Amino acid sequence: MIVQKILEYVKEHELIVIEDHIIVGVSGGADSICLLFMLKELQSSLPFQLSVVHVEHGIRGEDSEADAAFVEKICRENQLSFSQYSYDILKLAKQEGISVEAAGRKARYESFFKECKKRGGTKVAVAHHENDQAETIIWNMVRGTGAKGFGGMEPYKEMEYPIIRPLLCISRKEVEVYLKQKQYSYREDETNGELIYTRNKIRHKVLPYMEQELNANAVRHITSLAQHILEMNKFIERIALQRYKDMVVEKDNKVIISLSKFLEEEHIIQTHIVRQAIGYCSKSLKDIESIHIEQIISLSCLQVGKEVHLPERILGKREYESICLEQSQKNAKEIIEEKASVRVTVPETVEFLDYKFVFAKIAKENKKNLQKKYTISLDYDKMRFSLELRTREAGDYITIYSQGKKKKLKAFFIDEKIARERRNKIPLLCVGQEVIWIVGHRINEKYKVTDETKTILEIQVYEKTQVK
C-alpha cells in the first residue's frame, strides 16, 4: 500500500515527529494534491498540524487564478488553513536576471518560509517524487555540478526552515494510482508540457526514452544510485568538515583558507572545503557548478591579487598565504560589465556579457568540422601571451588579409555597417591590442588553423538565454 510505504519512509528519515506543524506547498497539480492527502492520512499515525500555502505565479492568467480557487476549495472542505501568495514571476525574473524557473522557485520558498514564521510552522513539505529526483540528477550531470549533484535531492534538507520530501520514495505512476484509487481531482498545468523548459525536456523526452529503449526501471535505478552517492558524499563531507575547521577562518561573511594546509589535501577534499566556504558566504549553492569550485581551487596556483567572480555574488581572491572568499556587493555580470574584460585560461568556462564561452585544447588529429559560427577553432600554438575577453578599446586591430595586412577594428565595424550602439556590446577575444576573434563576425587570419597546426583551441559560445 502506497500510504504505508510513505509512512515507513517518513519514519526512517525522521521527516515528521509528533507535534510538528507542517506547511505544505500545494499548486493544485497531481503531485501536490497527492502530497496533501497523503499527509492528511499520516496524521492518524503521527499527530501533527497541517497548513497549506499556494503560490500564484501570475503567468497563466485565468487558469492560474482557477488553480488558487481550486486549492482554497479543497482546504475549506477539509478544514485546513489556506494562505495564498501572488507574484509577477516574469517581472521578477527580468529584474534579477535569472530564469523564470529560478524566479518561481525563489518565490515559492520565500512564501513557505514566511508562512512558517507567521503560523509557527516547523517544516515545509514539498511534492518531489522519484521521477523529479531522476530529472534533477540528469540535469545536474548535464550542467556539471560534480559528485554533489549526483546525490540529488535529500528527503530532509536544512534551510531557513527544514524542507521535507515525503514522496521521494514513490514514482509518478504511483502518484497517479493513488489519486485514481481515491478519486481525487487535480489541476493540469499546460506549461508542464512546454519544451522550452529544461526540466520538461528531460521529463518528456529523456526519461521516457530511457525507460522505453534502455531499461523500464531506469528511474528507480537512477534514484537508487543517487542514494548511494549521497551516503558517500556525507562520509567525505564529515572528513572535509574536520579539515575545514583546521584551516579556515570565518569572519563577517568572509572566509580565509590557509594555503599551506589546503594544498596538503587531496583534490576531492579541496572541492568540499571550497563548497563549504562558498556556502558560508552566500547561504546558497544553487547556481554553483563544479567549474566554479575549480576556479577557486586554481587561485592557489596563481599570483597574488588574482580574482574569480562566481554566481551568488561570490568573490574569490588570491592573497599571500591564503585564498579569501566573500560576498561582493555586485554580481559577476555587473563586475564584468564594469571592467568590460576578463582574463582567460585554457581550459576554462567564462561568462562574459550575454554569452557563455567554453575554451578547450584539442589535438588536431582529433578535430573534425573545424568551423561553425558559434563553435570556432584557432591555432593554439601561435598564442604566446595570455588571452582576454573584453569589449573594444582604442588602438585595437585585426589581421583580415592572408598576406598579414592589418585593419583597425573601428574601420572593420564601419565597413561591415555595424551600428555604433552595438560596437561596445560585441565580445572580442584579444591578445593585447590584437583582436583574435570578433565574436560572431570575423577570425584573425594569423590564428586560423593550417596544415602546420598541431594544437587547436576550440571555443564554444552560447547565448545565456539558451543555457537554462
Protein backbone atom coordinates (compact mmCIF):
# COMPACT_ATOMS: atom_id res chain seq x y z
CA MET A 1 0.00 0.00 0.00
CA ILE A 2 1.37 3.39 -1.02
CA VAL A 3 0.42 5.18 2.19
CA GLN A 4 2.21 2.55 4.30
CA LYS A 5 5.28 2.84 2.07
CA ILE A 6 5.40 6.59 2.65
CA LEU A 7 4.80 6.22 6.39
CA GLU A 8 7.80 3.89 6.66
CA TYR A 9 9.91 6.31 4.61
CA VAL A 10 8.88 9.24 6.82
CA LYS A 11 9.78 7.29 9.97
CA GLU A 12 13.08 6.01 8.52
CA HIS A 13 14.27 9.54 7.76
CA GLU A 14 12.52 11.16 10.73
CA LEU A 15 10.78 13.63 8.44
CA ILE A 16 7.85 14.24 10.76
CA VAL A 17 7.63 13.95 14.53
CA ILE A 18 4.70 14.36 16.89
CA GLU A 19 3.59 17.99 17.32
CA ASP A 20 5.27 19.19 14.12
CA HIS A 21 3.43 21.92 12.23
CA ILE A 22 3.93 21.15 8.53
CA ILE A 23 3.49 23.89 5.95
CA VAL A 24 2.70 22.11 2.68
CA GLY A 25 3.05 23.75 -0.71
CA VAL A 26 0.05 22.91 -2.91
CA SER A 27 -0.10 24.10 -6.52
CA GLY A 28 -3.21 22.10 -7.36
CA GLY A 29 -1.36 19.70 -9.65
CA ALA A 30 -1.32 15.93 -9.26
CA ASP A 31 1.88 15.73 -7.19
CA SER A 32 0.96 18.35 -4.61
CA ILE A 33 -2.63 17.08 -4.26
CA CYS A 34 -1.22 13.60 -3.65
CA LEU A 35 1.15 15.00 -1.02
CA LEU A 36 -1.62 16.92 0.74
CA PHE A 37 -3.94 13.94 1.12
CA MET A 38 -1.07 11.60 1.95
CA LEU A 39 -0.11 13.89 4.83
CA LYS A 40 -3.72 14.00 5.99
CA GLU A 41 -3.72 10.20 6.14
CA LEU A 42 -0.43 10.17 8.03
CA GLN A 43 -1.96 12.37 10.74
CA SER A 44 -3.73 9.33 12.13
CA SER A 45 -0.35 7.68 12.81
CA LEU A 46 1.75 10.76 13.53
CA PRO A 47 -0.29 13.57 15.10
CA PHE A 48 0.88 16.89 13.64
CA GLN A 49 -0.60 20.14 12.35
CA LEU A 50 -1.05 20.85 8.67
CA SER A 51 -1.36 24.21 6.87
CA VAL A 52 -1.50 24.90 3.13
CA VAL A 53 0.30 27.53 1.07
CA HIS A 54 -0.50 28.23 -2.57
CA VAL A 55 1.83 30.39 -4.68
CA GLU A 56 0.23 32.08 -7.69
CA HIS A 57 2.89 32.94 -10.28
CA GLY A 58 0.85 35.35 -12.38
CA ILE A 59 1.89 33.60 -15.61
CA ARG A 60 -1.23 31.73 -16.76
CA GLY A 61 -3.90 34.38 -16.23
CA GLU A 62 -7.37 32.95 -15.53
CA ASP A 63 -6.04 29.39 -15.32
CA SER A 64 -3.65 30.47 -12.58
CA GLU A 65 -6.48 32.12 -10.65
CA ALA A 66 -8.58 28.98 -11.11
CA ASP A 67 -5.75 26.90 -9.60
CA ALA A 68 -5.78 29.08 -6.49
CA ALA A 69 -9.58 28.84 -6.17
CA PHE A 70 -9.37 25.04 -6.57
CA VAL A 71 -6.81 24.66 -3.76
CA GLU A 72 -8.72 27.03 -1.49
CA LYS A 73 -11.91 24.98 -2.03
CA ILE A 74 -10.11 21.76 -1.07
CA CYS A 75 -8.80 23.39 2.11
CA ARG A 76 -12.24 24.69 3.02
CA GLU A 77 -13.79 21.24 2.52
CA ASN A 78 -11.10 19.61 4.66
CA GLN A 79 -10.93 22.27 7.41
CA LEU A 80 -7.37 23.23 6.57
CA SER A 81 -5.87 26.70 6.89
CA PHE A 82 -5.10 28.24 3.50
CA SER A 83 -2.78 31.09 2.52
CA GLN A 84 -2.09 32.46 -0.96
CA TYR A 85 0.93 34.42 -2.14
CA SER A 86 0.84 36.11 -5.55
CA TYR A 87 3.76 37.29 -7.71
CA ASP A 88 4.58 38.56 -11.17
CA ILE A 89 7.24 35.93 -11.83
CA LEU A 90 8.12 37.16 -15.33
CA LYS A 91 8.85 40.61 -13.92
CA LEU A 92 10.88 39.18 -11.01
CA ALA A 93 12.95 37.02 -13.38
CA LYS A 94 13.76 40.04 -15.54
CA GLN A 95 14.63 42.25 -12.55
CA GLU A 96 17.02 39.70 -11.05
CA GLY A 97 18.47 38.46 -14.32
CA ILE A 98 17.51 34.83 -13.68
CA SER A 99 15.39 32.23 -15.49
CA VAL A 100 11.62 32.07 -14.99
CA GLU A 101 12.09 28.66 -13.36
CA ALA A 102 14.59 30.05 -10.86
CA ALA A 103 12.40 33.07 -10.08
CA GLY A 104 9.41 30.80 -9.46
CA ARG A 105 11.41 28.53 -7.16
CA LYS A 106 12.73 31.50 -5.19
CA ALA A 107 9.25 32.96 -4.77
CA ARG A 108 7.82 29.62 -3.61
CA TYR A 109 10.38 29.02 -0.90
CA GLU A 110 10.25 32.61 0.33
CA SER A 111 6.47 32.19 0.65
CA PHE A 112 6.82 28.89 2.50
CA PHE A 113 9.26 30.40 4.99
CA LYS A 114 7.07 33.47 5.54
CA GLU A 115 4.16 31.18 6.31
CA CYS A 116 6.26 29.14 8.74
CA LYS A 117 7.16 32.32 10.60
CA LYS A 118 3.59 33.56 10.53
CA ARG A 119 1.95 30.33 11.75
CA GLY A 120 4.70 28.81 13.87
CA GLY A 121 5.44 26.14 11.28
CA THR A 122 8.32 23.76 11.96
CA LYS A 123 8.89 22.26 8.49
CA VAL A 124 7.95 22.73 4.84
CA ALA A 125 6.71 19.75 2.80
CA VAL A 126 7.15 19.74 -0.99
CA ALA A 127 5.93 17.17 -3.51
CA HIS A 128 9.08 15.93 -5.26
CA HIS A 129 8.89 12.22 -6.15
CA GLU A 130 11.20 9.64 -7.75
CA ASN A 131 10.80 10.99 -11.27
CA ASP A 132 11.64 14.52 -10.09
CA GLN A 133 14.71 13.07 -8.42
CA ALA A 134 15.81 11.38 -11.65
CA GLU A 135 15.25 14.63 -13.59
CA THR A 136 17.34 16.54 -11.07
CA ILE A 137 20.23 14.08 -11.28
CA ILE A 138 20.27 14.10 -15.10
CA TRP A 139 20.12 17.91 -15.17
CA ASN A 140 22.91 18.17 -12.59
CA MET A 141 25.01 15.78 -14.66
CA VAL A 142 24.45 17.80 -17.85
CA ARG A 143 25.20 21.18 -16.32
CA GLY A 144 28.29 19.94 -14.49
CA THR A 145 27.62 20.09 -10.75
CA GLY A 146 30.09 17.34 -9.87
CA ALA A 147 29.60 14.45 -7.45
CA LYS A 148 27.50 16.55 -5.09
CA GLY A 149 24.80 16.94 -7.73
CA PHE A 150 24.64 13.20 -8.37
CA GLY A 151 23.27 12.76 -4.86
CA GLY A 152 20.13 14.56 -5.97
CA MET A 153 17.58 15.96 -3.55
CA GLU A 154 17.63 14.88 0.07
CA PRO A 155 14.49 13.74 1.89
CA TYR A 156 15.35 16.22 4.67
CA LYS A 157 17.22 19.43 3.95
CA GLU A 158 18.19 22.11 6.45
CA MET A 159 17.28 25.58 5.23
CA GLU A 160 15.73 28.60 6.94
CA TYR A 161 13.08 26.06 7.90
CA PRO A 162 13.68 22.35 7.18
CA ILE A 163 12.43 21.08 3.82
CA ILE A 164 10.95 17.56 3.77
CA ARG A 165 10.14 15.43 0.73
CA PRO A 166 7.90 12.54 1.83
CA LEU A 167 7.15 11.39 -1.74
CA LEU A 168 10.74 10.75 -2.83
CA CYS A 169 10.17 7.03 -2.30
CA ILE A 170 7.35 6.74 -4.86
CA SER A 171 7.16 7.27 -8.62
CA ARG A 172 4.90 9.48 -10.70
CA LYS A 173 2.96 6.35 -11.70
CA GLU A 174 2.31 5.58 -8.03
CA VAL A 175 1.11 9.14 -7.54
CA GLU A 176 -1.38 8.65 -10.38
CA VAL A 177 -2.51 5.28 -8.99
CA TYR A 178 -3.18 6.81 -5.56
CA LEU A 179 -5.19 9.71 -6.99
CA LYS A 180 -7.22 7.36 -9.17
CA GLN A 181 -7.95 4.96 -6.32
CA LYS A 182 -9.05 7.78 -4.04
CA GLN A 183 -10.83 9.63 -6.88
CA TYR A 184 -9.10 12.90 -6.06
CA SER A 185 -9.25 15.54 -8.78
CA TYR A 186 -6.38 17.89 -9.61
CA ARG A 187 -5.47 20.69 -12.00
CA GLU A 188 -3.37 20.31 -15.15
CA ASP A 189 -0.75 22.99 -15.85
CA GLU A 190 -0.21 23.18 -19.61
CA THR A 191 3.23 24.77 -19.10
CA ASN A 192 4.42 21.40 -17.76
CA GLY A 193 4.32 20.17 -21.35
CA GLU A 194 6.18 23.09 -22.90
CA LEU A 195 9.63 22.01 -24.08
CA ILE A 196 11.15 25.48 -23.68
CA TYR A 197 11.97 24.50 -20.09
CA THR A 198 14.94 22.23 -19.44
CA ARG A 199 13.19 20.02 -16.89
CA ASN A 200 10.28 19.46 -19.26
CA LYS A 201 12.71 18.27 -21.95
CA ILE A 202 14.16 15.74 -19.53
CA ARG A 203 10.69 14.75 -18.27
CA HIS A 204 9.05 14.28 -21.66
CA LYS A 205 11.99 13.32 -23.87
CA VAL A 206 14.97 11.90 -21.99
CA LEU A 207 13.38 9.80 -19.22
CA PRO A 208 10.69 8.20 -21.44
CA TYR A 209 13.39 7.25 -23.95
CA MET A 210 15.50 5.68 -21.19
CA GLU A 211 12.53 3.70 -19.83
CA GLN A 212 11.26 2.58 -23.24
CA GLU A 213 14.53 1.91 -25.04
CA LEU A 214 17.08 1.13 -22.32
CA ASN A 215 15.52 -0.14 -19.08
CA ALA A 216 11.94 0.04 -17.79
CA ASN A 217 13.32 0.57 -14.27
CA ALA A 218 15.68 3.38 -15.29
CA VAL A 219 14.13 5.96 -12.94
CA ARG A 220 14.33 3.66 -9.93
CA HIS A 221 17.92 2.71 -10.72
CA ILE A 222 18.93 6.37 -11.07
CA THR A 223 17.39 7.27 -7.72
CA SER A 224 18.97 4.22 -6.08
CA LEU A 225 22.38 5.28 -7.38
CA ALA A 226 21.71 8.78 -6.03
CA GLN A 227 21.11 7.34 -2.57
CA HIS A 228 24.46 5.53 -2.64
CA ILE A 229 26.26 8.66 -3.82
CA LEU A 230 24.51 10.73 -1.16
CA GLU A 231 25.83 8.36 1.52
CA MET A 232 29.37 8.55 0.09
CA ASN A 233 29.17 12.34 -0.08
CA LYS A 234 28.11 12.53 3.55
CA PHE A 235 31.10 10.40 4.56
CA ILE A 236 33.50 12.62 2.60
CA GLU A 237 31.81 15.75 3.98
CA ARG A 238 32.45 14.60 7.55
CA ILE A 239 36.17 14.28 6.80
CA ALA A 240 36.23 17.58 4.86
CA LEU A 241 34.46 19.38 7.71
CA GLN A 242 37.21 18.32 10.11
CA ARG A 243 39.85 19.64 7.70
CA TYR A 244 37.80 22.79 7.12
CA LYS A 245 37.80 23.65 10.82
CA ASP A 246 41.58 23.19 10.90
CA MET A 247 42.43 25.53 8.01
CA VAL A 248 39.59 28.05 7.63
CA VAL A 249 38.74 31.26 9.46
CA GLU A 250 35.16 32.55 9.14
CA LYS A 251 34.54 36.19 9.95
CA ASP A 252 31.83 38.68 8.93
CA ASN A 253 30.67 36.72 5.84
CA LYS A 254 34.28 36.30 4.79
CA VAL A 255 36.27 33.06 4.61
CA ILE A 256 40.07 32.82 4.69
CA ILE A 257 41.56 29.45 3.66
CA SER A 258 45.15 28.74 4.71
CA LEU A 259 47.02 27.76 1.55
CA SER A 260 49.76 25.77 3.24
CA LYS A 261 47.19 23.37 4.75
CA PHE A 262 44.80 23.48 1.78
CA LEU A 263 47.49 22.31 -0.66
CA GLU A 264 48.25 19.26 1.50
CA GLU A 265 44.76 17.84 0.91
CA GLU A 266 43.51 15.52 -1.81
CA HIS A 267 41.57 17.24 -4.58
CA ILE A 268 38.23 15.71 -3.51
CA ILE A 269 38.66 17.19 -0.02
CA GLN A 270 39.63 20.55 -1.50
CA THR A 271 36.39 20.65 -3.51
CA HIS A 272 34.31 20.04 -0.39
CA ILE A 273 36.21 22.68 1.58
CA VAL A 274 35.64 25.26 -1.16
CA ARG A 275 31.96 24.33 -1.43
CA GLN A 276 31.57 24.73 2.33
CA ALA A 277 33.31 28.11 2.17
CA ILE A 278 31.06 29.34 -0.64
CA GLY A 279 28.00 28.16 1.29
CA TYR A 280 29.11 30.15 4.33
CA CYS A 281 29.48 33.34 2.26
CA SER A 282 26.36 33.10 0.11
CA LYS A 283 23.98 30.89 2.12
CA SER A 284 23.13 29.23 -1.22
CA LEU A 285 24.84 26.80 -3.60
CA LYS A 286 22.01 26.69 -6.14
CA ASP A 287 23.94 28.08 -9.13
CA ILE A 288 27.38 26.85 -8.08
CA GLU A 289 28.76 24.28 -10.53
CA SER A 290 31.93 22.18 -10.48
CA ILE A 291 33.64 24.67 -12.82
CA HIS A 292 33.20 27.39 -10.16
CA ILE A 293 34.75 25.17 -7.49
CA GLU A 294 37.71 24.51 -9.78
CA GLN A 295 38.14 28.24 -10.45
CA ILE A 296 38.56 28.86 -6.72
CA ILE A 297 40.99 25.95 -6.36
CA SER A 298 43.01 27.28 -9.33
CA LEU A 299 43.67 30.51 -7.39
CA SER A 300 46.16 28.53 -5.30
CA CYS A 301 48.44 28.36 -8.37
CA LEU A 302 48.04 31.98 -9.46
CA GLN A 303 49.81 35.15 -8.41
CA VAL A 304 48.70 37.34 -5.52
CA GLY A 305 45.79 39.62 -6.38
CA LYS A 306 44.12 37.33 -8.92
CA GLU A 307 40.31 37.25 -8.60
CA VAL A 308 37.46 34.94 -9.57
CA HIS A 309 33.83 36.09 -9.71
CA LEU A 310 31.15 33.44 -9.17
CA PRO A 311 27.34 33.32 -9.09
CA GLU A 312 25.64 34.36 -5.83
CA ARG A 313 27.95 37.43 -5.84
CA ILE A 314 30.90 35.40 -4.57
CA LEU A 315 34.37 36.94 -4.99
CA GLY A 316 37.43 34.71 -4.61
CA LYS A 317 40.85 36.33 -4.30
CA ARG A 318 44.42 35.01 -4.01
CA GLU A 319 46.27 36.59 -1.11
CA TYR A 320 49.84 35.99 0.06
CA GLU A 321 49.25 32.90 2.18
CA SER A 322 45.56 32.27 1.66
CA ILE A 323 42.52 32.24 -0.59
CA CYS A 324 39.86 34.70 0.53
CA LEU A 325 36.16 34.34 -0.31
CA GLU A 326 33.50 36.92 0.38
CA GLN A 327 30.17 38.11 -0.95
CA SER A 328 30.58 41.09 -3.22
CA GLN A 329 28.09 43.96 -3.42
CA LYS A 330 27.80 43.28 -7.16
CA ASN A 331 27.20 40.12 -9.11
CA ALA A 332 29.64 38.65 -11.62
CA LYS A 333 27.85 40.13 -14.63
CA GLU A 334 27.86 43.65 -13.16
CA ILE A 335 31.56 43.39 -12.34
CA ILE A 336 32.45 42.11 -15.80
CA GLU A 337 30.37 44.81 -17.48
CA GLU A 338 32.07 47.49 -15.38
CA LYS A 339 35.53 46.19 -16.21
CA ALA A 340 34.45 45.11 -19.72
CA SER A 341 37.21 42.47 -19.65
CA VAL A 342 38.06 39.10 -18.18
CA ARG A 343 41.27 37.05 -18.40
CA VAL A 344 41.05 33.59 -19.94
CA THR A 345 42.96 30.43 -19.10
CA VAL A 346 42.59 27.20 -21.07
CA PRO A 347 40.65 25.04 -20.42
CA GLU A 348 38.03 27.25 -18.82
CA THR A 349 34.37 28.27 -18.95
CA VAL A 350 33.80 32.03 -18.84
CA GLU A 351 30.64 34.11 -18.69
CA PHE A 352 31.01 37.50 -20.38
CA LEU A 353 28.28 39.98 -21.28
CA ASP A 354 25.34 37.91 -22.60
CA TYR A 355 27.41 34.85 -23.51
CA LYS A 356 28.99 31.74 -22.04
CA PHE A 357 32.36 30.73 -23.57
CA VAL A 358 33.82 27.22 -23.26
CA PHE A 359 37.56 27.04 -24.07
CA ALA A 360 39.25 23.69 -24.75
CA LYS A 361 42.55 22.43 -26.25
CA ILE A 362 42.28 19.62 -28.80
CA ALA A 363 44.92 17.74 -30.76
CA LYS A 364 44.37 18.47 -34.45
CA GLU A 365 44.04 14.80 -35.43
CA ASN A 366 41.07 14.50 -33.06
CA LYS A 367 39.22 17.50 -34.52
CA LYS A 368 36.53 17.40 -37.18
CA ASN A 369 34.19 20.03 -38.68
CA LEU A 370 36.56 22.88 -37.96
CA GLN A 371 34.33 25.94 -38.41
CA LYS A 372 30.85 26.87 -37.27
CA LYS A 373 29.57 30.32 -36.41
CA TYR A 374 29.42 29.70 -32.66
CA THR A 375 31.95 26.90 -32.40
CA ILE A 376 35.27 28.10 -33.75
CA SER A 377 38.76 26.61 -33.96
CA LEU A 378 42.03 28.55 -33.71
CA ASP A 379 45.73 27.70 -33.86
CA TYR A 380 46.62 27.47 -30.18
CA ASP A 381 50.36 27.11 -30.87
CA LYS A 382 50.52 30.74 -32.10
CA MET A 383 49.12 32.21 -28.89
CA ARG A 384 52.19 33.24 -26.95
CA PHE A 385 50.51 35.58 -24.49
CA SER A 386 47.50 35.46 -22.17
CA LEU A 387 44.06 35.70 -23.72
CA GLU A 388 41.45 38.22 -22.72
CA LEU A 389 37.73 38.56 -23.40
CA ARG A 390 36.75 42.22 -23.49
CA THR A 391 34.94 44.96 -25.33
CA ARG A 392 36.71 47.30 -27.77
CA GLU A 393 39.48 49.72 -26.86
CA ALA A 394 41.27 52.47 -28.77
CA GLY A 395 44.06 51.01 -30.91
CA ASP A 396 42.50 47.57 -31.48
CA TYR A 397 43.31 45.92 -34.79
CA ILE A 398 42.74 42.62 -36.61
CA THR A 399 44.53 40.86 -39.47
CA ILE A 400 41.97 40.10 -42.16
CA TYR A 401 44.26 39.56 -45.14
CA SER A 402 46.27 36.37 -45.73
CA GLN A 403 49.42 38.40 -46.53
CA GLY A 404 49.35 39.81 -42.98
CA LYS A 405 47.90 43.26 -43.59
CA LYS A 406 46.21 44.71 -40.51
CA LYS A 407 42.98 46.66 -40.20
CA LYS A 408 41.81 48.89 -37.37
CA LEU A 409 38.80 47.50 -35.53
CA LYS A 410 36.95 50.78 -35.95
CA ALA A 411 37.40 50.58 -39.72
CA PHE A 412 36.18 46.98 -39.72
CA PHE A 413 32.98 47.96 -37.88
CA ILE A 414 32.38 50.83 -40.33
CA ASP A 415 32.96 48.63 -43.40
CA GLU A 416 30.66 45.93 -42.02
CA LYS A 417 27.98 48.58 -41.27
CA ILE A 418 27.79 47.58 -37.60
CA ALA A 419 25.76 50.23 -35.77
CA ARG A 420 27.72 52.42 -33.37
CA GLU A 421 25.48 51.48 -30.41
CA ARG A 422 26.23 47.77 -30.98
CA ARG A 423 30.01 48.08 -31.16
CA ASN A 424 30.56 48.26 -27.39
CA LYS A 425 28.43 45.15 -26.88
CA ILE A 426 30.36 42.78 -29.16
CA PRO A 427 32.77 40.48 -27.25
CA LEU A 428 36.34 40.38 -28.51
CA LEU A 429 38.96 37.70 -27.88
CA CYS A 430 42.26 39.54 -27.72
CA VAL A 431 45.98 39.34 -27.05
CA GLY A 432 46.90 42.88 -26.07
CA GLN A 433 45.56 45.22 -28.77
CA GLU A 434 45.40 42.41 -31.35
CA VAL A 435 41.89 41.05 -31.85
CA ILE A 436 41.92 37.29 -32.45
CA TRP A 437 38.16 36.91 -32.87
CA ILE A 438 35.32 39.39 -33.25
CA VAL A 439 32.68 37.11 -31.78
CA GLY A 440 30.01 36.28 -34.32
CA HIS A 441 31.85 38.11 -37.10
CA ARG A 442 35.48 37.53 -38.06
CA ILE A 443 38.54 35.45 -37.11
CA ASN A 444 42.06 36.88 -37.31
CA GLU A 445 43.82 35.35 -40.37
CA LYS A 446 47.01 34.79 -38.35
CA TYR A 447 45.28 32.37 -35.98
CA LYS A 448 43.34 30.24 -38.44
CA VAL A 449 44.04 26.51 -38.42
CA THR A 450 46.53 25.41 -41.10
CA ASP A 451 48.30 22.20 -42.18
CA GLU A 452 51.08 23.08 -39.71
CA THR A 453 48.71 23.40 -36.73
CA LYS A 454 49.27 20.81 -34.01
CA THR A 455 47.03 22.02 -31.18
CA ILE A 456 43.61 23.58 -31.70
CA LEU A 457 41.87 25.98 -29.36
CA GLU A 458 38.17 25.18 -29.68
CA ILE A 459 35.73 27.80 -28.37
CA GLN A 460 32.01 27.10 -27.99
CA VAL A 461 29.75 30.07 -27.42
CA TYR A 462 26.23 30.03 -26.03
CA GLU A 463 23.80 32.85 -25.55
CA LYS A 464 22.80 32.80 -21.87
CA THR A 465 19.13 32.57 -22.83
CA GLN A 466 19.96 29.15 -24.30
CA VAL A 467 21.55 27.96 -21.03
CA LYS A 468 18.80 27.24 -18.51
